[in-house]
């Protein structure tokens, strides 16, 4: 889901606690708890305006909350450095 959102694609996901941490319903994607809600989400995301705005919001959320591939290496290096400092 994160990679799709980073690419600007809206996500249609099951309404599970783990997904609620990443997807804001009708903002960065669609959360569905039933078959009917899944169908509603598909209909909603078929609208080009909803699809575009949701995808753009998803991409912005990923960039602001998680980061980009460009800064990924720096985050890993900082995490490893933190672990090494704790061991010393």
PDB file of N, CA and C in Angstrom:
ATOM      1  N   UNK A   1       0.814  -1.182   0.000  1.00  0.00           N
ATOM      2  CA  UNK A   1       0.000   0.000   0.000  1.00  0.00           C
ATOM      3  C   UNK A   1       0.865   1.256   0.000  1.00  0.00           C
ATOM      4  N   UNK A   2       1.926   1.239   0.778  1.00  0.00           N
ATOM      5  CA  UNK A   2       2.757   2.429   0.876  1.00  0.00           C
ATOM      6  C   UNK A   2       3.387   2.793  -0.464  1.00  0.00           C
ATOM      7  N   UNK A   3       3.844   1.785  -1.200  1.00  0.00           N
ATOM      8  CA  UNK A   3       4.451   2.066  -2.500  1.00  0.00           C
ATOM      9  C   UNK A   3       3.423   2.612  -3.481  1.00  0.00           C
ATOM     10  N   UNK A   4       2.227   2.063  -3.466  1.00  0.00           N
ATOM     11  CA  UNK A   4       1.164   2.570  -4.347  1.00  0.00           C
ATOM     12  C   UNK A   4       0.847   4.014  -3.987  1.00  0.00           C
ATOM     13  N   UNK A   5       0.713   4.297  -2.703  1.00  0.00           N
ATOM     14  CA  UNK A   5       0.406   5.654  -2.264  1.00  0.00           C
ATOM     15  C   UNK A   5       1.539   6.610  -2.626  1.00  0.00           C
ATOM     16  N   UNK A   6       2.785   6.171  -2.475  1.00  0.00           N
ATOM     17  CA  UNK A   6       3.930   7.015  -2.826  1.00  0.00           C
ATOM     18  C   UNK A   6       3.952   7.326  -4.316  1.00  0.00           C
ATOM     19  N   UNK A   7       3.390   6.432  -5.107  1.00  0.00           N
ATOM     20  CA  UNK A   7       3.316   6.649  -6.555  1.00  0.00           C
ATOM     21  C   UNK A   7       2.103   7.496  -6.937  1.00  0.00           C
ATOM     22  N   UNK A   8       1.317   7.908  -5.957  1.00  0.00           N
ATOM     23  CA  UNK A   8       0.162   8.745  -6.237  1.00  0.00           C
ATOM     24  C   UNK A   8      -1.098   7.983  -6.566  1.00  0.00           C
ATOM     25  N   UNK A   9      -1.145   6.727  -6.149  1.00  0.00           N
ATOM     26  CA  UNK A   9      -2.332   5.914  -6.404  1.00  0.00           C
ATOM     27  C   UNK A   9      -3.191   5.824  -5.151  1.00  0.00           C
ATOM     28  N   UNK A  10      -4.483   6.065  -5.268  1.00  0.00           N
ATOM     29  CA  UNK A  10      -5.342   5.876  -4.110  1.00  0.00           C
ATOM     30  C   UNK A  10      -5.461   4.392  -3.791  1.00  0.00           C
ATOM     31  N   UNK A  11      -5.666   4.087  -2.538  1.00  0.00           N
ATOM     32  CA  UNK A  11      -5.718   2.697  -2.091  1.00  0.00           C
ATOM     33  C   UNK A  11      -7.130   2.358  -1.630  1.00  0.00           C
ATOM     34  N   UNK A  12      -7.576   1.182  -1.989  1.00  0.00           N
ATOM     35  CA  UNK A  12      -8.835   0.635  -1.500  1.00  0.00           C
ATOM     36  C   UNK A  12      -8.448  -0.560  -0.633  1.00  0.00           C
ATOM     37  N   UNK A  13      -8.710  -0.458   0.671  1.00  0.00           N
ATOM     38  CA  UNK A  13      -8.206  -1.463   1.609  1.00  0.00           C
ATOM     39  C   UNK A  13      -9.289  -1.911   2.573  1.00  0.00           C
ATOM     40  N   UNK A  14      -9.050  -3.055   3.193  1.00  0.00           N
ATOM     41  CA  UNK A  14      -9.931  -3.544   4.257  1.00  0.00           C
ATOM     42  C   UNK A  14      -9.845  -2.596   5.440  1.00  0.00           C
ATOM     43  N   UNK A  15     -10.946  -2.419   6.130  1.00  0.00           N
ATOM     44  CA  UNK A  15     -10.981  -1.533   7.287  1.00  0.00           C
ATOM     45  C   UNK A  15     -10.436  -2.274   8.509  1.00  0.00           C
ATOM     46  N   UNK A  16      -9.116  -2.386   8.554  1.00  0.00           N
ATOM     47  CA  UNK A  16      -8.402  -3.033   9.649  1.00  0.00           C
ATOM     48  C   UNK A  16      -7.579  -1.988  10.396  1.00  0.00           C
ATOM     49  N   UNK A  17      -7.305  -2.213  11.681  1.00  0.00           N
ATOM     50  CA  UNK A  17      -6.514  -1.232  12.430  1.00  0.00           C
ATOM     51  C   UNK A  17      -5.187  -0.864  11.752  1.00  0.00           C
ATOM     52  N   UNK A  18      -4.477  -1.827  11.222  1.00  0.00           N
ATOM     53  CA  UNK A  18      -3.198  -1.539  10.564  1.00  0.00           C
ATOM     54  C   UNK A  18      -3.377  -0.637   9.349  1.00  0.00           C
ATOM     55  N   UNK A  19      -4.464  -0.818   8.625  1.00  0.00           N
ATOM     56  CA  UNK A  19      -4.720   0.007   7.444  1.00  0.00           C
ATOM     57  C   UNK A  19      -5.162   1.409   7.846  1.00  0.00           C
ATOM     58  N   UNK A  20      -5.878   1.518   8.961  1.00  0.00           N
ATOM     59  CA  UNK A  20      -6.341   2.835   9.429  1.00  0.00           C
ATOM     60  C   UNK A  20      -5.175   3.730   9.809  1.00  0.00           C
ATOM     61  N   UNK A  21      -4.035   3.134  10.147  1.00  0.00           N
ATOM     62  CA  UNK A  21      -2.843   3.923  10.450  1.00  0.00           C
ATOM     63  C   UNK A  21      -2.256   4.569   9.206  1.00  0.00           C
ATOM     64  N   UNK A  22      -2.563   4.022   8.038  1.00  0.00           N
ATOM     65  CA  UNK A  22      -1.984   4.524   6.793  1.00  0.00           C
ATOM     66  C   UNK A  22      -2.985   5.213   5.882  1.00  0.00           C
ATOM     67  N   UNK A  23      -4.219   4.775   5.893  1.00  0.00           N
ATOM     68  CA  UNK A  23      -5.214   5.272   4.948  1.00  0.00           C
ATOM     69  C   UNK A  23      -6.262   6.097   5.683  1.00  0.00           C
ATOM     70  N   UNK A  24      -6.433   7.318   5.250  1.00  0.00           N
ATOM     71  CA  UNK A  24      -7.490   8.164   5.782  1.00  0.00           C
ATOM     72  C   UNK A  24      -8.675   8.045   4.812  1.00  0.00           C
ATOM     73  N   UNK A  25      -9.770   7.505   5.317  1.00  0.00           N
ATOM     74  CA  UNK A  25     -10.937   7.204   4.478  1.00  0.00           C
ATOM     75  C   UNK A  25     -11.387   8.434   3.697  1.00  0.00           C
ATOM     76  N   UNK A  26     -11.513   8.255   2.400  1.00  0.00           N
ATOM     77  CA  UNK A  26     -11.966   9.278   1.448  1.00  0.00           C
ATOM     78  C   UNK A  26     -11.008  10.461   1.339  1.00  0.00           C
ATOM     79  N   UNK A  27      -9.830  10.321   1.893  1.00  0.00           N
ATOM     80  CA  UNK A  27      -8.813  11.363   1.745  1.00  0.00           C
ATOM     81  C   UNK A  27      -7.608  10.819   0.993  1.00  0.00           C
ATOM     82  N   UNK A  28      -7.007   9.738   1.517  1.00  0.00           N
ATOM     83  CA  UNK A  28      -5.856   9.126   0.848  1.00  0.00           C
ATOM     84  C   UNK A  28      -6.190   7.750   0.301  1.00  0.00           C
ATOM     85  N   UNK A  29      -7.427   7.341   0.449  1.00  0.00           N
ATOM     86  CA  UNK A  29      -7.864   6.035  -0.023  1.00  0.00           C
ATOM     87  C   UNK A  29      -9.258   5.742   0.478  1.00  0.00           C
ATOM     88  N   UNK A  30      -9.625   4.480   0.405  1.00  0.00           N
ATOM     89  CA  UNK A  30     -10.968   4.056   0.817  1.00  0.00           C
ATOM     90  C   UNK A  30     -10.827   2.830   1.694  1.00  0.00           C
ATOM     91  N   UNK A  31     -11.477   2.854   2.856  1.00  0.00           N
ATOM     92  CA  UNK A  31     -11.500   1.708   3.758  1.00  0.00           C
ATOM     93  C   UNK A  31     -12.866   1.049   3.679  1.00  0.00           C
ATOM     94  N   UNK A  32     -12.869  -0.246   3.464  1.00  0.00           N
ATOM     95  CA  UNK A  32     -14.125  -0.988   3.297  1.00  0.00           C
ATOM     96  C   UNK A  32     -14.213  -2.105   4.330  1.00  0.00           C
ATOM     97  N   UNK A  33     -15.340  -2.129   5.051  1.00  0.00           N
ATOM     98  CA  UNK A  33     -15.573  -3.160   6.059  1.00  0.00           C
ATOM     99  C   UNK A  33     -16.532  -4.239   5.561  1.00  0.00           C
ATOM    100  N   UNK A  34     -17.089  -4.044   4.376  1.00  0.00           N
ATOM    101  CA  UNK A  34     -18.043  -5.010   3.840  1.00  0.00           C
ATOM    102  C   UNK A  34     -17.971  -5.004   2.308  1.00  0.00           C
ATOM    103  N   UNK A  35     -18.631  -5.963   1.732  1.00  0.00           N
ATOM    104  CA  UNK A  35     -18.680  -6.035   0.267  1.00  0.00           C
ATOM    105  C   UNK A  35     -19.352  -4.789  -0.315  1.00  0.00           C
ATOM    106  N   UNK A  36     -20.430  -4.338   0.330  1.00  0.00           N
ATOM    107  CA  UNK A  36     -21.121  -3.136  -0.141  1.00  0.00           C
ATOM    108  C   UNK A  36     -20.203  -1.918  -0.096  1.00  0.00           C
ATOM    109  N   UNK A  37     -19.438  -1.781   0.978  1.00  0.00           N
ATOM    110  CA  UNK A  37     -18.512  -0.659   1.086  1.00  0.00           C
ATOM    111  C   UNK A  37     -17.393  -0.758   0.055  1.00  0.00           C
ATOM    112  N   UNK A  38     -16.974  -1.970  -0.263  1.00  0.00           N
ATOM    113  CA  UNK A  38     -15.982  -2.167  -1.310  1.00  0.00           C
ATOM    114  C   UNK A  38     -16.538  -1.678  -2.647  1.00  0.00           C
ATOM    115  N   UNK A  39     -17.767  -2.044  -2.955  1.00  0.00           N
ATOM    116  CA  UNK A  39     -18.403  -1.597  -4.207  1.00  0.00           C
ATOM    117  C   UNK A  39     -18.552  -0.082  -4.226  1.00  0.00           C
ATOM    118  N   UNK A  40     -18.914   0.502  -3.077  1.00  0.00           N
ATOM    119  CA  UNK A  40     -19.028   1.960  -2.998  1.00  0.00           C
ATOM    120  C   UNK A  40     -17.673   2.619  -3.248  1.00  0.00           C
ATOM    121  N   UNK A  41     -16.632   2.045  -2.688  1.00  0.00           N
ATOM    122  CA  UNK A  41     -15.283   2.570  -2.894  1.00  0.00           C
ATOM    123  C   UNK A  41     -14.856   2.501  -4.349  1.00  0.00           C
ATOM    124  N   UNK A  42     -15.156   1.390  -5.005  1.00  0.00           N
ATOM    125  CA  UNK A  42     -14.826   1.267  -6.424  1.00  0.00           C
ATOM    126  C   UNK A  42     -15.561   2.329  -7.230  1.00  0.00           C
ATOM    127  N   UNK A  43     -16.831   2.508  -6.950  1.00  0.00           N
ATOM    128  CA  UNK A  43     -17.611   3.531  -7.646  1.00  0.00           C
ATOM    129  C   UNK A  43     -17.035   4.921  -7.388  1.00  0.00           C
ATOM    130  N   UNK A  44     -16.708   5.200  -6.145  1.00  0.00           N
ATOM    131  CA  UNK A  44     -16.188   6.511  -5.774  1.00  0.00           C
ATOM    132  C   UNK A  44     -14.853   6.793  -6.461  1.00  0.00           C
ATOM    133  N   UNK A  45     -13.965   5.781  -6.493  1.00  0.00           N
ATOM    134  CA  UNK A  45     -12.650   5.970  -7.098  1.00  0.00           C
ATOM    135  C   UNK A  45     -12.688   5.931  -8.622  1.00  0.00           C
ATOM    136  N   UNK A  46     -13.786   5.475  -9.220  1.00  0.00           N
ATOM    137  CA  UNK A  46     -13.918   5.531 -10.675  1.00  0.00           C
ATOM    138  C   UNK A  46     -14.100   6.965 -11.161  1.00  0.00           C
ATOM    139  N   UNK A  47     -14.575   7.841 -10.291  1.00  0.00           N
ATOM    140  CA  UNK A  47     -14.697   9.247 -10.645  1.00  0.00           C
ATOM    141  C   UNK A  47     -13.279   9.824 -10.780  1.00  0.00           C
ATOM    142  N   UNK A  48     -12.920  10.344 -11.960  1.00  0.00           N
ATOM    143  CA  UNK A  48     -11.549  10.827 -12.172  1.00  0.00           C
ATOM    144  C   UNK A  48     -11.108  11.901 -11.172  1.00  0.00           C
ATOM    145  N   UNK A  49     -12.013  12.773 -10.775  1.00  0.00           N
ATOM    146  CA  UNK A  49     -11.651  13.830  -9.819  1.00  0.00           C
ATOM    147  C   UNK A  49     -11.339  13.225  -8.451  1.00  0.00           C
ATOM    148  N   UNK A  50     -12.194  12.327  -7.963  1.00  0.00           N
ATOM    149  CA  UNK A  50     -11.935  11.661  -6.683  1.00  0.00           C
ATOM    150  C   UNK A  50     -10.633  10.878  -6.741  1.00  0.00           C
ATOM    151  N   UNK A  51     -10.423  10.169  -7.834  1.00  0.00           N
ATOM    152  CA  UNK A  51      -9.228   9.351  -7.996  1.00  0.00           C
ATOM    153  C   UNK A  51      -7.973  10.220  -7.955  1.00  0.00           C
ATOM    154  N   UNK A  52      -7.975  11.294  -8.708  1.00  0.00           N
ATOM    155  CA  UNK A  52      -6.806  12.173  -8.776  1.00  0.00           C
ATOM    156  C   UNK A  52      -6.529  12.839  -7.432  1.00  0.00           C
ATOM    157  N   UNK A  53      -7.546  13.429  -6.828  1.00  0.00           N
ATOM    158  CA  UNK A  53      -7.342  14.113  -5.547  1.00  0.00           C
ATOM    159  C   UNK A  53      -6.908  13.157  -4.448  1.00  0.00           C
ATOM    160  N   UNK A  54      -7.496  11.965  -4.428  1.00  0.00           N
ATOM    161  CA  UNK A  54      -7.134  10.970  -3.418  1.00  0.00           C
ATOM    162  C   UNK A  54      -5.699  10.507  -3.621  1.00  0.00           C
ATOM    163  N   UNK A  55      -5.318  10.247  -4.859  1.00  0.00           N
ATOM    164  CA  UNK A  55      -3.945   9.833  -5.161  1.00  0.00           C
ATOM    165  C   UNK A  55      -2.925  10.898  -4.794  1.00  0.00           C
ATOM    166  N   UNK A  56      -3.238  12.161  -5.095  1.00  0.00           N
ATOM    167  CA  UNK A  56      -2.332  13.258  -4.746  1.00  0.00           C
ATOM    168  C   UNK A  56      -2.202  13.398  -3.230  1.00  0.00           C
ATOM    169  N   UNK A  57      -3.316  13.262  -2.524  1.00  0.00           N
ATOM    170  CA  UNK A  57      -3.288  13.347  -1.063  1.00  0.00           C
ATOM    171  C   UNK A  57      -2.490  12.182  -0.473  1.00  0.00           C
ATOM    172  N   UNK A  58      -2.620  11.000  -1.067  1.00  0.00           N
ATOM    173  CA  UNK A  58      -1.869   9.829  -0.598  1.00  0.00           C
ATOM    174  C   UNK A  58      -0.373  10.061  -0.754  1.00  0.00           C
ATOM    175  N   UNK A  59       0.010  10.560  -1.921  1.00  0.00           N
ATOM    176  CA  UNK A  59       1.435  10.813  -2.177  1.00  0.00           C
ATOM    177  C   UNK A  59       1.989  11.856  -1.208  1.00  0.00           C
ATOM    178  N   UNK A  60       1.233  12.920  -0.966  1.00  0.00           N
ATOM    179  CA  UNK A  60       1.674  13.969  -0.049  1.00  0.00           C
ATOM    180  C   UNK A  60       1.799  13.417   1.371  1.00  0.00           C
ATOM    181  N   UNK A  61       0.826  12.590   1.795  1.00  0.00           N
ATOM    182  CA  UNK A  61       0.881  12.027   3.144  1.00  0.00           C
ATOM    183  C   UNK A  61       2.122  11.157   3.318  1.00  0.00           C
ATOM    184  N   UNK A  62       2.407  10.313   2.324  1.00  0.00           N
ATOM    185  CA  UNK A  62       3.597   9.449   2.397  1.00  0.00           C
ATOM    186  C   UNK A  62       4.853  10.296   2.518  1.00  0.00           C
ATOM    187  N   UNK A  63       4.964  11.303   1.657  1.00  0.00           N
ATOM    188  CA  UNK A  63       6.169  12.149   1.669  1.00  0.00           C
ATOM    189  C   UNK A  63       6.343  12.834   3.021  1.00  0.00           C
ATOM    190  N   UNK A  64       5.267  13.373   3.583  1.00  0.00           N
ATOM    191  CA  UNK A  64       5.351  14.098   4.849  1.00  0.00           C
ATOM    192  C   UNK A  64       5.482  13.183   6.061  1.00  0.00           C
ATOM    193  N   UNK A  65       4.865  12.009   6.018  1.00  0.00           N
ATOM    194  CA  UNK A  65       4.838  11.125   7.183  1.00  0.00           C
ATOM    195  C   UNK A  65       5.945  10.077   7.194  1.00  0.00           C
ATOM    196  N   UNK A  66       6.330   9.623   6.013  1.00  0.00           N
ATOM    197  CA  UNK A  66       7.279   8.509   5.941  1.00  0.00           C
ATOM    198  C   UNK A  66       8.576   8.908   5.254  1.00  0.00           C
ATOM    199  N   UNK A  67       8.475   9.689   4.209  1.00  0.00           N
ATOM    200  CA  UNK A  67       9.657  10.131   3.491  1.00  0.00           C
ATOM    201  C   UNK A  67       9.652   9.633   2.059  1.00  0.00           C
ATOM    202  N   UNK A  68      10.769   9.815   1.405  1.00  0.00           N
ATOM    203  CA  UNK A  68      10.916   9.427  -0.001  1.00  0.00           C
ATOM    204  C   UNK A  68      12.050   8.421  -0.136  1.00  0.00           C
ATOM    205  N   UNK A  69      12.155   7.827  -1.318  1.00  0.00           N
ATOM    206  CA  UNK A  69      13.275   6.909  -1.577  1.00  0.00           C
ATOM    207  C   UNK A  69      14.592   7.669  -1.484  1.00  0.00           C
ATOM    208  N   UNK A  70      14.574   8.938  -1.855  1.00  0.00           N
ATOM    209  CA  UNK A  70      15.806   9.728  -1.838  1.00  0.00           C
ATOM    210  C   UNK A  70      16.378   9.876  -0.427  1.00  0.00           C
ATOM    211  N   UNK A  71      15.511   9.965   0.585  1.00  0.00           N
ATOM    212  CA  UNK A  71      16.037  10.105   1.938  1.00  0.00           C
ATOM    213  C   UNK A  71      16.032   8.783   2.718  1.00  0.00           C
ATOM    214  N   UNK A  72      15.650   7.701   2.070  1.00  0.00           N
ATOM    215  CA  UNK A  72      15.575   6.390   2.723  1.00  0.00           C
ATOM    216  C   UNK A  72      16.939   5.927   3.237  1.00  0.00           C
ATOM    217  N   UNK A  73      17.968   6.048   2.421  1.00  0.00           N
ATOM    218  CA  UNK A  73      19.302   5.593   2.826  1.00  0.00           C
ATOM    219  C   UNK A  73      19.768   6.349   4.066  1.00  0.00           C
ATOM    220  N   UNK A  74      19.497   7.627   4.121  1.00  0.00           N
ATOM    221  CA  UNK A  74      19.877   8.422   5.282  1.00  0.00           C
ATOM    222  C   UNK A  74      19.163   7.974   6.543  1.00  0.00           C
ATOM    223  N   UNK A  75      17.882   7.614   6.411  1.00  0.00           N
ATOM    224  CA  UNK A  75      17.133   7.136   7.570  1.00  0.00           C
ATOM    225  C   UNK A  75      17.692   5.810   8.074  1.00  0.00           C
ATOM    226  N   UNK A  76      18.047   4.907   7.148  1.00  0.00           N
ATOM    227  CA  UNK A  76      18.639   3.624   7.554  1.00  0.00           C
ATOM    228  C   UNK A  76      19.991   3.841   8.227  1.00  0.00           C
ATOM    229  N   UNK A  77      20.811   4.710   7.658  1.00  0.00           N
ATOM    230  CA  UNK A  77      22.127   4.970   8.243  1.00  0.00           C
ATOM    231  C   UNK A  77      21.979   5.543   9.649  1.00  0.00           C
ATOM    232  N   UNK A  78      21.028   6.449   9.831  1.00  0.00           N
ATOM    233  CA  UNK A  78      20.805   7.035  11.158  1.00  0.00           C
ATOM    234  C   UNK A  78      20.312   5.973  12.143  1.00  0.00           C
ATOM    235  N   UNK A  79      19.446   5.085  11.697  1.00  0.00           N
ATOM    236  CA  UNK A  79      18.940   4.026  12.576  1.00  0.00           C
ATOM    237  C   UNK A  79      20.069   3.091  12.999  1.00  0.00           C
ATOM    238  N   UNK A  80      20.937   2.698  12.040  1.00  0.00           N
ATOM    239  CA  UNK A  80      22.056   1.827  12.375  1.00  0.00           C
ATOM    240  C   UNK A  80      23.026   2.529  13.326  1.00  0.00           C
ATOM    241  N   UNK A  81      23.281   3.811  13.071  1.00  0.00           N
ATOM    242  CA  UNK A  81      24.194   4.566  13.927  1.00  0.00           C
ATOM    243  C   UNK A  81      23.649   4.629  15.353  1.00  0.00           C
ATOM    244  N   UNK A  82      22.355   4.821  15.483  1.00  0.00           N
ATOM    245  CA  UNK A  82      21.721   4.866  16.791  1.00  0.00           C
ATOM    246  C   UNK A  82      21.887   3.534  17.527  1.00  0.00           C
ATOM    247  N   UNK A  83      21.728   2.442  16.806  1.00  0.00           N
ATOM    248  CA  UNK A  83      21.914   1.117  17.417  1.00  0.00           C
ATOM    249  C   UNK A  83      23.360   0.903  17.847  1.00  0.00           C
ATOM    250  N   UNK A  84      24.301   1.338  17.030  1.00  0.00           N
ATOM    251  CA  UNK A  84      25.724   1.176  17.375  1.00  0.00           C
ATOM    252  C   UNK A  84      26.089   2.008  18.594  1.00  0.00           C
ATOM    253  N   UNK A  85      25.502   3.208  18.692  1.00  0.00           N
ATOM    254  CA  UNK A  85      25.809   4.084  19.837  1.00  0.00           C
ATOM    255  C   UNK A  85      25.257   3.494  21.127  1.00  0.00           C
ATOM    256  N   UNK A  86      24.107   2.846  21.064  1.00  0.00           N
ATOM    257  CA  UNK A  86      23.523   2.230  22.260  1.00  0.00           C
ATOM    258  C   UNK A  86      24.390   1.068  22.765  1.00  0.00           C
ATOM    259  N   UNK A  87      25.030   0.355  21.814  1.00  0.00           N
ATOM    260  CA  UNK A  87      25.841  -0.802  22.175  1.00  0.00           C
ATOM    261  C   UNK A  87      27.137  -0.371  22.853  1.00  0.00           C
ATOM    262  N   UNK A  88      27.625   0.793  22.542  1.00  0.00           N
ATOM    263  CA  UNK A  88      28.905   1.263  23.096  1.00  0.00           C
ATOM    264  C   UNK A  88      28.841   1.616  24.557  1.00  0.00           C
TER     265      UNK A  88
END
